PDB file of N, CA and C in Angstrom:
ATOM      1  N   UNK A   1      72.793 -43.044  34.367  1.00  0.00           N
ATOM      2  CA  UNK A   1      72.230 -42.602  33.108  1.00  0.00           C
ATOM      3  C   UNK A   1      70.716 -42.455  33.216  1.00  0.00           C
ATOM      4  N   UNK A   2      70.073 -43.427  33.884  1.00  0.00           N
ATOM      5  CA  UNK A   2      68.619 -43.368  34.057  1.00  0.00           C
ATOM      6  C   UNK A   2      68.236 -42.151  34.893  1.00  0.00           C
ATOM      7  N   UNK A   3      69.075 -41.799  35.868  1.00  0.00           N
ATOM      8  CA  UNK A   3      68.833 -40.634  36.709  1.00  0.00           C
ATOM      9  C   UNK A   3      68.805 -39.361  35.866  1.00  0.00           C
ATOM     10  N   UNK A   4      69.727 -39.225  34.937  1.00  0.00           N
ATOM     11  CA  UNK A   4      69.791 -38.035  34.083  1.00  0.00           C
ATOM     12  C   UNK A   4      68.552 -37.953  33.191  1.00  0.00           C
ATOM     13  N   UNK A   5      68.136 -39.079  32.631  1.00  0.00           N
ATOM     14  CA  UNK A   5      66.908 -39.085  31.811  1.00  0.00           C
ATOM     15  C   UNK A   5      65.698 -38.685  32.650  1.00  0.00           C
ATOM     16  N   UNK A   6      65.616 -39.211  33.857  1.00  0.00           N
ATOM     17  CA  UNK A   6      64.505 -38.881  34.737  1.00  0.00           C
ATOM     18  C   UNK A   6      64.526 -37.391  35.081  1.00  0.00           C
ATOM     19  N   UNK A   7      65.679 -36.847  35.403  1.00  0.00           N
ATOM     20  CA  UNK A   7      65.818 -35.433  35.728  1.00  0.00           C
ATOM     21  C   UNK A   7      65.420 -34.566  34.531  1.00  0.00           C
ATOM     22  N   UNK A   8      65.852 -34.935  33.345  1.00  0.00           N
ATOM     23  CA  UNK A   8      65.488 -34.213  32.130  1.00  0.00           C
ATOM     24  C   UNK A   8      63.978 -34.226  31.931  1.00  0.00           C
ATOM     25  N   UNK A   9      63.358 -35.387  32.109  1.00  0.00           N
ATOM     26  CA  UNK A   9      61.909 -35.517  31.943  1.00  0.00           C
ATOM     27  C   UNK A   9      61.162 -34.647  32.955  1.00  0.00           C
ATOM     28  N   UNK A  10      61.588 -34.651  34.199  1.00  0.00           N
ATOM     29  CA  UNK A  10      60.948 -33.832  35.228  1.00  0.00           C
ATOM     30  C   UNK A  10      61.085 -32.352  34.879  1.00  0.00           C
ATOM     31  N   UNK A  11      62.247 -31.909  34.466  1.00  0.00           N
ATOM     32  CA  UNK A  11      62.447 -30.511  34.080  1.00  0.00           C
ATOM     33  C   UNK A  11      61.554 -30.134  32.902  1.00  0.00           C
ATOM     34  N   UNK A  12      61.446 -31.006  31.937  1.00  0.00           N
ATOM     35  CA  UNK A  12      60.602 -30.741  30.770  1.00  0.00           C
ATOM     36  C   UNK A  12      59.144 -30.587  31.182  1.00  0.00           C
ATOM     37  N   UNK A  13      58.649 -31.493  32.026  1.00  0.00           N
ATOM     38  CA  UNK A  13      57.251 -31.441  32.473  1.00  0.00           C
ATOM     39  C   UNK A  13      56.987 -30.179  33.271  1.00  0.00           C
ATOM     40  N   UNK A  14      57.904 -29.804  34.149  1.00  0.00           N
ATOM     41  CA  UNK A  14      57.735 -28.590  34.943  1.00  0.00           C
ATOM     42  C   UNK A  14      57.729 -27.355  34.052  1.00  0.00           C
ATOM     43  N   UNK A  15      58.658 -27.278  33.135  1.00  0.00           N
ATOM     44  CA  UNK A  15      58.706 -26.118  32.238  1.00  0.00           C
ATOM     45  C   UNK A  15      57.491 -26.059  31.326  1.00  0.00           C
ATOM     46  N   UNK A  16      57.031 -27.176  30.845  1.00  0.00           N
ATOM     47  CA  UNK A  16      55.843 -27.194  29.992  1.00  0.00           C
ATOM     48  C   UNK A  16      54.616 -26.755  30.779  1.00  0.00           C
ATOM     49  N   UNK A  17      54.544 -27.123  32.034  1.00  0.00           N
ATOM     50  CA  UNK A  17      53.415 -26.734  32.869  1.00  0.00           C
ATOM     51  C   UNK A  17      53.422 -25.267  33.228  1.00  0.00           C
ATOM     52  N   UNK A  18      54.576 -24.616  33.176  1.00  0.00           N
ATOM     53  CA  UNK A  18      54.678 -23.200  33.511  1.00  0.00           C
ATOM     54  C   UNK A  18      54.391 -22.297  32.321  1.00  0.00           C
ATOM     55  N   UNK A  19      54.318 -22.853  31.158  1.00  0.00           N
ATOM     56  CA  UNK A  19      54.103 -22.039  29.966  1.00  0.00           C
ATOM     57  C   UNK A  19      52.730 -21.386  30.009  1.00  0.00           C
ATOM     58  N   UNK A  20      52.644 -20.203  29.432  1.00  0.00           N
ATOM     59  CA  UNK A  20      51.377 -19.482  29.369  1.00  0.00           C
ATOM     60  C   UNK A  20      50.510 -20.021  28.258  1.00  0.00           C
ATOM     61  N   UNK A  21      49.445 -19.279  27.951  1.00  0.00           N
ATOM     62  CA  UNK A  21      48.540 -19.737  26.894  1.00  0.00           C
ATOM     63  C   UNK A  21      49.257 -19.829  25.552  1.00  0.00           C
ATOM     64  N   UNK A  22      48.802 -20.753  24.737  1.00  0.00           N
ATOM     65  CA  UNK A  22      49.392 -20.895  23.413  1.00  0.00           C
ATOM     66  C   UNK A  22      48.303 -21.199  22.414  1.00  0.00           C
ATOM     67  N   UNK A  23      48.669 -21.214  21.158  1.00  0.00           N
ATOM     68  CA  UNK A  23      47.737 -21.542  20.090  1.00  0.00           C
ATOM     69  C   UNK A  23      46.478 -20.687  20.216  1.00  0.00           C
ATOM     70  N   UNK A  24      46.669 -19.376  20.336  1.00  0.00           N
ATOM     71  CA  UNK A  24      45.568 -18.441  20.561  1.00  0.00           C
ATOM     72  C   UNK A  24      44.975 -18.011  19.229  1.00  0.00           C
ATOM     73  N   UNK A  25      43.637 -18.045  19.152  1.00  0.00           N
ATOM     74  CA  UNK A  25      42.921 -17.558  17.972  1.00  0.00           C
ATOM     75  C   UNK A  25      41.697 -16.787  18.450  1.00  0.00           C
ATOM     76  N   UNK A  26      41.680 -15.490  18.218  1.00  0.00           N
ATOM     77  CA  UNK A  26      40.548 -14.639  18.590  1.00  0.00           C
ATOM     78  C   UNK A  26      39.927 -14.085  17.320  1.00  0.00           C
ATOM     79  N   UNK A  27      38.593 -14.126  17.241  1.00  0.00           N
ATOM     80  CA  UNK A  27      37.884 -13.601  16.069  1.00  0.00           C
ATOM     81  C   UNK A  27      36.765 -12.686  16.531  1.00  0.00           C
ATOM     82  N   UNK A  28      36.671 -11.494  15.945  1.00  0.00           N
ATOM     83  CA  UNK A  28      35.603 -10.543  16.258  1.00  0.00           C
ATOM     84  C   UNK A  28      34.632 -10.545  15.096  1.00  0.00           C
ATOM     85  N   UNK A  29      33.340 -10.776  15.367  1.00  0.00           N
ATOM     86  CA  UNK A  29      32.338 -10.906  14.316  1.00  0.00           C
ATOM     87  C   UNK A  29      31.388  -9.719  14.208  1.00  0.00           C
ATOM     88  N   UNK A  30      31.147  -9.001  15.265  1.00  0.00           N
ATOM     89  CA  UNK A  30      30.139  -7.939  15.276  1.00  0.00           C
ATOM     90  C   UNK A  30      30.573  -6.751  14.424  1.00  0.00           C
ATOM     91  N   UNK A  31      29.598  -6.077  13.864  1.00  0.00           N
ATOM     92  CA  UNK A  31      29.867  -4.848  13.106  1.00  0.00           C
ATOM     93  C   UNK A  31      30.142  -3.687  14.045  1.00  0.00           C
ATOM     94  N   UNK A  32      29.541  -3.728  15.203  1.00  0.00           N
ATOM     95  CA  UNK A  32      29.661  -2.652  16.183  1.00  0.00           C
ATOM     96  C   UNK A  32      30.748  -2.975  17.206  1.00  0.00           C
ATOM     97  N   UNK A  33      31.377  -1.934  17.732  1.00  0.00           N
ATOM     98  CA  UNK A  33      32.346  -2.091  18.829  1.00  0.00           C
ATOM     99  C   UNK A  33      31.663  -1.634  20.111  1.00  0.00           C
ATOM    100  N   UNK A  34      31.850  -2.383  21.181  1.00  0.00           N
ATOM    101  CA  UNK A  34      31.205  -2.089  22.451  1.00  0.00           C
ATOM    102  C   UNK A  34      32.238  -1.654  23.475  1.00  0.00           C
ATOM    103  N   UNK A  35      31.837  -0.791  24.413  1.00  0.00           N
ATOM    104  CA  UNK A  35      32.787  -0.378  25.460  1.00  0.00           C
ATOM    105  C   UNK A  35      33.087  -1.532  26.409  1.00  0.00           C
ATOM    106  N   UNK A  36      34.272  -1.536  26.935  1.00  0.00           N
ATOM    107  CA  UNK A  36      34.693  -2.576  27.885  1.00  0.00           C
ATOM    108  C   UNK A  36      33.840  -2.516  29.149  1.00  0.00           C
ATOM    109  N   UNK A  37      33.707  -3.650  29.790  1.00  0.00           N
ATOM    110  CA  UNK A  37      33.012  -3.761  31.074  1.00  0.00           C
ATOM    111  C   UNK A  37      33.935  -4.493  32.038  1.00  0.00           C
ATOM    112  N   UNK A  38      33.565  -4.528  33.304  1.00  0.00           N
ATOM    113  CA  UNK A  38      34.398  -5.276  34.253  1.00  0.00           C
ATOM    114  C   UNK A  38      34.123  -6.770  34.083  1.00  0.00           C
ATOM    115  N   UNK A  39      35.112  -7.613  34.310  1.00  0.00           N
ATOM    116  CA  UNK A  39      34.917  -9.061  34.158  1.00  0.00           C
ATOM    117  C   UNK A  39      33.758  -9.610  34.999  1.00  0.00           C
ATOM    118  N   UNK A  40      33.511  -9.004  36.159  1.00  0.00           N
ATOM    119  CA  UNK A  40      32.417  -9.473  37.020  1.00  0.00           C
ATOM    120  C   UNK A  40      31.054  -9.291  36.359  1.00  0.00           C
ATOM    121  N   UNK A  41      30.951  -8.377  35.396  1.00  0.00           N
ATOM    122  CA  UNK A  41      29.684  -8.136  34.709  1.00  0.00           C
ATOM    123  C   UNK A  41      29.421  -9.169  33.609  1.00  0.00           C
ATOM    124  N   UNK A  42      30.420  -9.933  33.228  1.00  0.00           N
ATOM    125  CA  UNK A  42      30.280 -10.918  32.150  1.00  0.00           C
ATOM    126  C   UNK A  42      29.884 -12.266  32.753  1.00  0.00           C
ATOM    127  N   UNK A  43      28.703 -12.749  32.377  1.00  0.00           N
ATOM    128  CA  UNK A  43      28.250 -14.056  32.851  1.00  0.00           C
ATOM    129  C   UNK A  43      29.078 -15.156  32.184  1.00  0.00           C
ATOM    130  N   UNK A  44      29.438 -16.177  32.942  1.00  0.00           N
ATOM    131  CA  UNK A  44      30.122 -17.347  32.396  1.00  0.00           C
ATOM    132  C   UNK A  44      29.087 -18.462  32.294  1.00  0.00           C
ATOM    133  N   UNK A  45      28.810 -18.896  31.064  1.00  0.00           N
ATOM    134  CA  UNK A  45      27.798 -19.915  30.796  1.00  0.00           C
ATOM    135  C   UNK A  45      28.461 -21.169  30.239  1.00  0.00           C
ATOM    136  N   UNK A  46      27.828 -22.306  30.425  1.00  0.00           N
ATOM    137  CA  UNK A  46      28.332 -23.549  29.847  1.00  0.00           C
ATOM    138  C   UNK A  46      27.395 -24.085  28.769  1.00  0.00           C
ATOM    139  N   UNK A  47      26.311 -23.357  28.516  1.00  0.00           N
ATOM    140  CA  UNK A  47      25.401 -23.728  27.431  1.00  0.00           C
ATOM    141  C   UNK A  47      24.726 -22.461  26.913  1.00  0.00           C
ATOM    142  N   UNK A  48      24.092 -22.572  25.758  1.00  0.00           N
ATOM    143  CA  UNK A  48      23.428 -21.413  25.157  1.00  0.00           C
ATOM    144  C   UNK A  48      22.294 -20.942  26.055  1.00  0.00           C
ATOM    145  N   UNK A  49      22.159 -19.622  26.234  1.00  0.00           N
ATOM    146  CA  UNK A  49      21.056 -19.109  27.055  1.00  0.00           C
ATOM    147  C   UNK A  49      19.726 -19.211  26.304  1.00  0.00           C
ATOM    148  N   UNK A  50      18.638 -19.143  27.048  1.00  0.00           N
ATOM    149  CA  UNK A  50      17.307 -19.240  26.465  1.00  0.00           C
ATOM    150  C   UNK A  50      16.809 -17.913  25.891  1.00  0.00           C
ATOM    151  N   UNK A  51      17.526 -16.839  26.111  1.00  0.00           N
ATOM    152  CA  UNK A  51      17.093 -15.540  25.603  1.00  0.00           C
ATOM    153  C   UNK A  51      17.890 -15.192  24.342  1.00  0.00           C
ATOM    154  N   UNK A  52      17.331 -14.370  23.456  1.00  0.00           N
ATOM    155  CA  UNK A  52      18.024 -14.042  22.196  1.00  0.00           C
ATOM    156  C   UNK A  52      19.346 -13.309  22.430  1.00  0.00           C
ATOM    157  N   UNK A  53      20.326 -13.640  21.599  1.00  0.00           N
ATOM    158  CA  UNK A  53      21.640 -13.009  21.712  1.00  0.00           C
ATOM    159  C   UNK A  53      22.320 -12.981  20.351  1.00  0.00           C
ATOM    160  N   UNK A  54      23.377 -12.172  20.286  1.00  0.00           N
ATOM    161  CA  UNK A  54      24.211 -12.063  19.090  1.00  0.00           C
ATOM    162  C   UNK A  54      25.624 -12.507  19.463  1.00  0.00           C
ATOM    163  N   UNK A  55      26.237 -13.311  18.631  1.00  0.00           N
ATOM    164  CA  UNK A  55      27.632 -13.697  18.836  1.00  0.00           C
ATOM    165  C   UNK A  55      28.503 -12.540  18.352  1.00  0.00           C
ATOM    166  N   UNK A  56      29.363 -12.026  19.230  1.00  0.00           N
ATOM    167  CA  UNK A  56      30.222 -10.914  18.826  1.00  0.00           C
ATOM    168  C   UNK A  56      31.676 -11.324  18.638  1.00  0.00           C
ATOM    169  N   UNK A  57      32.094 -12.417  19.272  1.00  0.00           N
ATOM    170  CA  UNK A  57      33.495 -12.835  19.128  1.00  0.00           C
ATOM    171  C   UNK A  57      33.647 -14.277  19.587  1.00  0.00           C
ATOM    172  N   UNK A  58      34.807 -14.827  19.242  1.00  0.00           N
ATOM    173  CA  UNK A  58      35.155 -16.181  19.662  1.00  0.00           C
ATOM    174  C   UNK A  58      36.615 -16.189  20.074  1.00  0.00           C
ATOM    175  N   UNK A  59      36.894 -16.859  21.172  1.00  0.00           N
ATOM    176  CA  UNK A  59      38.259 -16.993  21.681  1.00  0.00           C
ATOM    177  C   UNK A  59      38.602 -18.473  21.756  1.00  0.00           C
ATOM    178  N   UNK A  60      39.777 -18.836  21.271  1.00  0.00           N
ATOM    179  CA  UNK A  60      40.254 -20.207  21.377  1.00  0.00           C
ATOM    180  C   UNK A  60      41.697 -20.178  21.829  1.00  0.00           C
ATOM    181  N   UNK A  61      42.039 -21.078  22.723  1.00  0.00           N
ATOM    182  CA  UNK A  61      43.439 -21.160  23.159  1.00  0.00           C
ATOM    183  C   UNK A  61      43.674 -22.451  23.908  1.00  0.00           C
ATOM    184  N   UNK A  62      44.910 -22.656  24.251  1.00  0.00           N
ATOM    185  CA  UNK A  62      45.319 -23.794  25.085  1.00  0.00           C
ATOM    186  C   UNK A  62      45.854 -23.239  26.397  1.00  0.00           C
ATOM    187  N   UNK A  63      45.700 -24.025  27.429  1.00  0.00           N
ATOM    188  CA  UNK A  63      46.261 -23.711  28.753  1.00  0.00           C
ATOM    189  C   UNK A  63      45.753 -22.389  29.325  1.00  0.00           C
ATOM    190  N   UNK A  64      44.451 -22.146  29.223  1.00  0.00           N
ATOM    191  CA  UNK A  64      43.861 -20.988  29.882  1.00  0.00           C
ATOM    192  C   UNK A  64      42.684 -21.450  30.730  1.00  0.00           C
ATOM    193  N   UNK A  65      42.262 -20.569  31.603  1.00  0.00           N
ATOM    194  CA  UNK A  65      41.128 -20.833  32.474  1.00  0.00           C
ATOM    195  C   UNK A  65      39.906 -20.065  31.979  1.00  0.00           C
ATOM    196  N   UNK A  66      38.705 -20.489  32.375  1.00  0.00           N
ATOM    197  CA  UNK A  66      37.514 -19.721  32.023  1.00  0.00           C
ATOM    198  C   UNK A  66      37.602 -18.252  32.452  1.00  0.00           C
ATOM    199  N   UNK A  67      38.255 -17.963  33.569  1.00  0.00           N
ATOM    200  CA  UNK A  67      38.400 -16.575  34.012  1.00  0.00           C
ATOM    201  C   UNK A  67      39.219 -15.753  33.012  1.00  0.00           C
ATOM    202  N   UNK A  68      40.185 -16.371  32.327  1.00  0.00           N
ATOM    203  CA  UNK A  68      40.963 -15.669  31.308  1.00  0.00           C
ATOM    204  C   UNK A  68      40.062 -15.270  30.141  1.00  0.00           C
ATOM    205  N   UNK A  69      39.199 -16.189  29.739  1.00  0.00           N
ATOM    206  CA  UNK A  69      38.283 -15.928  28.626  1.00  0.00           C
ATOM    207  C   UNK A  69      37.236 -14.897  29.052  1.00  0.00           C
ATOM    208  N   UNK A  70      36.797 -14.963  30.296  1.00  0.00           N
ATOM    209  CA  UNK A  70      35.853 -13.979  30.816  1.00  0.00           C
ATOM    210  C   UNK A  70      36.464 -12.577  30.755  1.00  0.00           C
ATOM    211  N   UNK A  71      37.733 -12.448  31.085  1.00  0.00           N
ATOM    212  CA  UNK A  71      38.436 -11.161  31.013  1.00  0.00           C
ATOM    213  C   UNK A  71      38.497 -10.646  29.572  1.00  0.00           C
ATOM    214  N   UNK A  72      38.786 -11.535  28.633  1.00  0.00           N
ATOM    215  CA  UNK A  72      38.830 -11.135  27.220  1.00  0.00           C
ATOM    216  C   UNK A  72      37.457 -10.656  26.752  1.00  0.00           C
ATOM    217  N   UNK A  73      36.403 -11.370  27.166  1.00  0.00           N
ATOM    218  CA  UNK A  73      35.042 -10.992  26.784  1.00  0.00           C
ATOM    219  C   UNK A  73      34.679  -9.627  27.379  1.00  0.00           C
ATOM    220  N   UNK A  74      35.144  -9.355  28.583  1.00  0.00           N
ATOM    221  CA  UNK A  74      34.883  -8.060  29.218  1.00  0.00           C
ATOM    222  C   UNK A  74      35.544  -6.924  28.443  1.00  0.00           C
ATOM    223  N   UNK A  75      36.732  -7.179  27.922  1.00  0.00           N
ATOM    224  CA  UNK A  75      37.449  -6.146  27.163  1.00  0.00           C
ATOM    225  C   UNK A  75      36.693  -5.696  25.921  1.00  0.00           C
ATOM    226  N   UNK A  76      35.845  -6.572  25.371  1.00  0.00           N
ATOM    227  CA  UNK A  76      35.092  -6.209  24.162  1.00  0.00           C
ATOM    228  C   UNK A  76      33.624  -5.917  24.466  1.00  0.00           C
ATOM    229  N   UNK A  77      33.269  -5.819  25.755  1.00  0.00           N
ATOM    230  CA  UNK A  77      31.929  -5.420  26.149  1.00  0.00           C
ATOM    231  C   UNK A  77      30.870  -6.487  26.065  1.00  0.00           C
ATOM    232  N   UNK A  78      31.228  -7.739  26.162  1.00  0.00           N
ATOM    233  CA  UNK A  78      30.255  -8.832  26.092  1.00  0.00           C
ATOM    234  C   UNK A  78      29.387  -8.864  27.349  1.00  0.00           C
ATOM    235  N   UNK A  79      28.160  -9.350  27.185  1.00  0.00           N
ATOM    236  CA  UNK A  79      27.272  -9.573  28.327  1.00  0.00           C
ATOM    237  C   UNK A  79      27.554 -10.926  28.967  1.00  0.00           C
ATOM    238  N   UNK A  80      27.971 -11.882  28.158  1.00  0.00           N
ATOM    239  CA  UNK A  80      28.230 -13.235  28.648  1.00  0.00           C
ATOM    240  C   UNK A  80      29.226 -13.921  27.726  1.00  0.00           C
ATOM    241  N   UNK A  81      29.779 -15.027  28.205  1.00  0.00           N
ATOM    242  CA  UNK A  81      30.662 -15.852  27.388  1.00  0.00           C
ATOM    243  C   UNK A  81      30.281 -17.307  27.624  1.00  0.00           C
ATOM    244  N   UNK A  82      30.065 -18.024  26.522  1.00  0.00           N
ATOM    245  CA  UNK A  82      29.708 -19.439  26.592  1.00  0.00           C
ATOM    246  C   UNK A  82      31.007 -20.233  26.479  1.00  0.00           C
ATOM    247  N   UNK A  83      31.345 -20.953  27.532  1.00  0.00           N
ATOM    248  CA  UNK A  83      32.618 -21.662  27.623  1.00  0.00           C
ATOM    249  C   UNK A  83      32.440 -23.130  27.233  1.00  0.00           C
ATOM    250  N   UNK A  84      33.341 -23.612  26.397  1.00  0.00           N
ATOM    251  CA  UNK A  84      33.418 -25.034  26.074  1.00  0.00           C
ATOM    252  C   UNK A  84      34.843 -25.483  26.359  1.00  0.00           C
ATOM    253  N   UNK A  85      34.980 -26.560  27.124  1.00  0.00           N
ATOM    254  CA  UNK A  85      36.291 -27.067  27.527  1.00  0.00           C
ATOM    255  C   UNK A  85      36.554 -28.385  26.817  1.00  0.00           C
ATOM    256  N   UNK A  86      37.770 -28.543  26.326  1.00  0.00           N
ATOM    257  CA  UNK A  86      38.159 -29.766  25.638  1.00  0.00           C
ATOM    258  C   UNK A  86      39.418 -30.325  26.276  1.00  0.00           C
ATOM    259  N   UNK A  87      39.504 -31.639  26.361  1.00  0.00           N
ATOM    260  CA  UNK A  87      40.756 -32.279  26.726  1.00  0.00           C
ATOM    261  C   UNK A  87      41.038 -32.443  28.189  1.00  0.00           C
ATOM    262  N   UNK A  88      40.192 -32.024  29.086  1.00  0.00           N
ATOM    263  CA  UNK A  88      40.440 -32.201  30.505  1.00  0.00           C
ATOM    264  C   UNK A  88      41.438 -31.207  31.052  1.00  0.00           C
ATOM    265  N   UNK A  89      41.527 -31.164  32.372  1.00  0.00           N
ATOM    266  CA  UNK A  89      42.438 -30.186  32.969  1.00  0.00           C
ATOM    267  C   UNK A  89      43.844 -30.753  33.066  1.00  0.00           C
ATOM    268  N   UNK A  90      44.810 -29.858  33.073  1.00  0.00           N
ATOM    269  CA  UNK A  90      46.205 -30.253  33.210  1.00  0.00           C
ATOM    270  C   UNK A  90      46.575 -30.258  34.678  1.00  0.00           C
ATOM    271  N   UNK A  91      47.033 -31.362  35.158  1.00  0.00           N
ATOM    272  CA  UNK A  91      47.497 -31.451  36.526  1.00  0.00           C
ATOM    273  C   UNK A  91      48.743 -32.316  36.533  1.00  0.00           C
ATOM    274  N   UNK A  92      49.779 -31.839  37.157  1.00  0.00           N
ATOM    275  CA  UNK A  92      51.015 -32.615  37.228  1.00  0.00           C
ATOM    276  C   UNK A  92      50.950 -33.663  38.333  1.00  0.00           C
ATOM    277  N   UNK A  93      49.949 -33.571  39.220  1.00  0.00           N
ATOM    278  CA  UNK A  93      49.885 -34.485  40.351  1.00  0.00           C
ATOM    279  C   UNK A  93      48.749 -35.497  40.254  1.00  0.00           C
ATOM    280  N   UNK A  94      47.714 -35.202  39.479  1.00  0.00           N
ATOM    281  CA  UNK A  94      46.568 -36.108  39.412  1.00  0.00           C
ATOM    282  C   UNK A  94      46.747 -37.139  38.309  1.00  0.00           C
ATOM    283  N   UNK A  95      46.408 -38.385  38.623  1.00  0.00           N
ATOM    284  CA  UNK A  95      46.478 -39.438  37.614  1.00  0.00           C
ATOM    285  C   UNK A  95      45.287 -39.357  36.673  1.00  0.00           C
ATOM    286  N   UNK A  96      44.104 -38.978  37.196  1.00  0.00           N
ATOM    287  CA  UNK A  96      42.890 -38.854  36.395  1.00  0.00           C
ATOM    288  C   UNK A  96      42.393 -37.420  36.496  1.00  0.00           C
ATOM    289  N   UNK A  97      41.863 -36.885  35.396  1.00  0.00           N
ATOM    290  CA  UNK A  97      41.328 -35.525  35.424  1.00  0.00           C
ATOM    291  C   UNK A  97      39.949 -35.524  36.065  1.00  0.00           C
ATOM    292  N   UNK A  98      39.501 -34.341  36.419  1.00  0.00           N
ATOM    293  CA  UNK A  98      38.161 -34.194  36.993  1.00  0.00           C
ATOM    294  C   UNK A  98      37.119 -34.364  35.907  1.00  0.00           C
ATOM    295  N   UNK A  99      35.868 -34.210  36.247  1.00  0.00           N
ATOM    296  CA  UNK A  99      34.787 -34.447  35.293  1.00  0.00           C
ATOM    297  C   UNK A  99      34.470 -33.229  34.420  1.00  0.00           C
ATOM    298  N   UNK A 100      35.262 -32.176  34.459  1.00  0.00           N
ATOM    299  CA  UNK A 100      35.063 -31.031  33.585  1.00  0.00           C
ATOM    300  C   UNK A 100      34.289 -29.900  34.220  1.00  0.00           C
ATOM    301  N   UNK A 101      33.831 -30.069  35.445  1.00  0.00           N
ATOM    302  CA  UNK A 101      33.066 -29.008  36.088  1.00  0.00           C
ATOM    303  C   UNK A 101      33.957 -28.073  36.900  1.00  0.00           C
ATOM    304  N   UNK A 102      35.234 -28.268  36.877  1.00  0.00           N
ATOM    305  CA  UNK A 102      36.164 -27.428  37.631  1.00  0.00           C
ATOM    306  C   UNK A 102      36.514 -26.190  36.815  1.00  0.00           C
ATOM    307  N   UNK A 103      35.741 -25.137  36.981  1.00  0.00           N
ATOM    308  CA  UNK A 103      35.927 -23.943  36.168  1.00  0.00           C
ATOM    309  C   UNK A 103      37.133 -23.107  36.601  1.00  0.00           C
ATOM    310  N   UNK A 104      37.858 -23.531  37.623  1.00  0.00           N
ATOM    311  CA  UNK A 104      39.031 -22.783  38.055  1.00  0.00           C
ATOM    312  C   UNK A 104      40.331 -23.473  37.657  1.00  0.00           C
ATOM    313  N   UNK A 105      40.252 -24.471  36.802  1.00  0.00           N
ATOM    314  CA  UNK A 105      41.430 -25.205  36.352  1.00  0.00           C
ATOM    315  C   UNK A 105      41.867 -24.711  34.972  1.00  0.00           C
ATOM    316  N   UNK A 106      43.056 -25.085  34.583  1.00  0.00           N
ATOM    317  CA  UNK A 106      43.575 -24.777  33.262  1.00  0.00           C
ATOM    318  C   UNK A 106      43.329 -25.992  32.373  1.00  0.00           C
ATOM    319  N   UNK A 107      42.723 -25.776  31.224  1.00  0.00           N
ATOM    320  CA  UNK A 107      42.360 -26.882  30.353  1.00  0.00           C
ATOM    321  C   UNK A 107      43.221 -26.913  29.113  1.00  0.00           C
ATOM    322  N   UNK A 108      43.346 -28.108  28.526  1.00  0.00           N
ATOM    323  CA  UNK A 108      44.201 -28.260  27.362  1.00  0.00           C
ATOM    324  C   UNK A 108      43.670 -27.478  26.161  1.00  0.00           C
ATOM    325  N   UNK A 109      42.376 -27.270  26.077  1.00  0.00           N
ATOM    326  CA  UNK A 109      41.791 -26.480  24.986  1.00  0.00           C
ATOM    327  C   UNK A 109      40.521 -25.846  25.522  1.00  0.00           C
ATOM    328  N   UNK A 110      40.361 -24.548  25.270  1.00  0.00           N
ATOM    329  CA  UNK A 110      39.186 -23.824  25.734  1.00  0.00           C
ATOM    330  C   UNK A 110      38.681 -22.939  24.604  1.00  0.00           C
ATOM    331  N   UNK A 111      37.368 -22.892  24.453  1.00  0.00           N
ATOM    332  CA  UNK A 111      36.723 -22.020  23.475  1.00  0.00           C
ATOM    333  C   UNK A 111      35.691 -21.200  24.226  1.00  0.00           C
ATOM    334  N   UNK A 112      35.688 -19.906  23.977  1.00  0.00           N
ATOM    335  CA  UNK A 112      34.697 -19.016  24.565  1.00  0.00           C
ATOM    336  C   UNK A 112      34.002 -18.240  23.465  1.00  0.00           C
ATOM    337  N   UNK A 113      32.677 -18.240  23.482  1.00  0.00           N
ATOM    338  CA  UNK A 113      31.893 -17.479  22.515  1.00  0.00           C
ATOM    339  C   UNK A 113      31.305 -16.286  23.261  1.00  0.00           C
ATOM    340  N   UNK A 114      31.784 -15.085  22.924  1.00  0.00           N
ATOM    341  CA  UNK A 114      31.314 -13.866  23.568  1.00  0.00           C
ATOM    342  C   UNK A 114      30.010 -13.425  22.923  1.00  0.00           C
ATOM    343  N   UNK A 115      29.024 -13.090  23.762  1.00  0.00           N
ATOM    344  CA  UNK A 115      27.711 -12.719  23.239  1.00  0.00           C
ATOM    345  C   UNK A 115      27.202 -11.422  23.854  1.00  0.00           C
ATOM    346  N   UNK A 116      26.284 -10.780  23.127  1.00  0.00           N
ATOM    347  CA  UNK A 116      25.524  -9.625  23.612  1.00  0.00           C
ATOM    348  C   UNK A 116      24.067 -10.034  23.541  1.00  0.00           C
ATOM    349  N   UNK A 117      23.335  -9.758  24.611  1.00  0.00           N
ATOM    350  CA  UNK A 117      21.909 -10.042  24.600  1.00  0.00           C
ATOM    351  C   UNK A 117      21.191  -8.977  23.801  1.00  0.00           C
ATOM    352  N   UNK A 118      20.166  -9.371  23.060  1.00  0.00           N
ATOM    353  CA  UNK A 118      19.368  -8.403  22.311  1.00  0.00           C
ATOM    354  C   UNK A 118      18.562  -7.558  23.284  1.00  0.00           C
ATOM    355  N   UNK A 119      18.472  -6.271  22.993  1.00  0.00           N
ATOM    356  CA  UNK A 119      17.671  -5.368  23.807  1.00  0.00           C
ATOM    357  C   UNK A 119      16.198  -5.663  23.583  1.00  0.00           C
ATOM    358  N   UNK A 120      15.436  -5.666  24.665  1.00  0.00           N
ATOM    359  CA  UNK A 120      13.988  -5.837  24.519  1.00  0.00           C
ATOM    360  C   UNK A 120      13.373  -4.540  24.019  1.00  0.00           C
ATOM    361  N   UNK A 121      12.398  -4.692  23.109  1.00  0.00           N
ATOM    362  CA  UNK A 121      11.768  -3.501  22.528  1.00  0.00           C
ATOM    363  C   UNK A 121      10.328  -3.403  22.930  1.00  0.00           C
TER     364      UNK A 121
END
């Protein structure tokens, strides 16, 4: 009986880990629409930049990577995306999560603020 419970638990954990992003909330704030750019053109930041910018959108989801948010920001023509990670990374093998600097991991909650830099006049 204990074997069946253990097998059920393992299957549940594996299936939960394979699920795609969930609890997605995207909001577009800008009045203007911008042409898409390639993801490589979108800077990934972990704090507000020192130069003036406008917030054009916000992305929130679970179980996504910063690269996923960078791709979304590219689709709306952002110059950069400010990433905030919540809850640590999901790992089925690690007992303790990393310190949050692993930008290639999937996190339990991620928020990206897409921005456009103001043009210098």
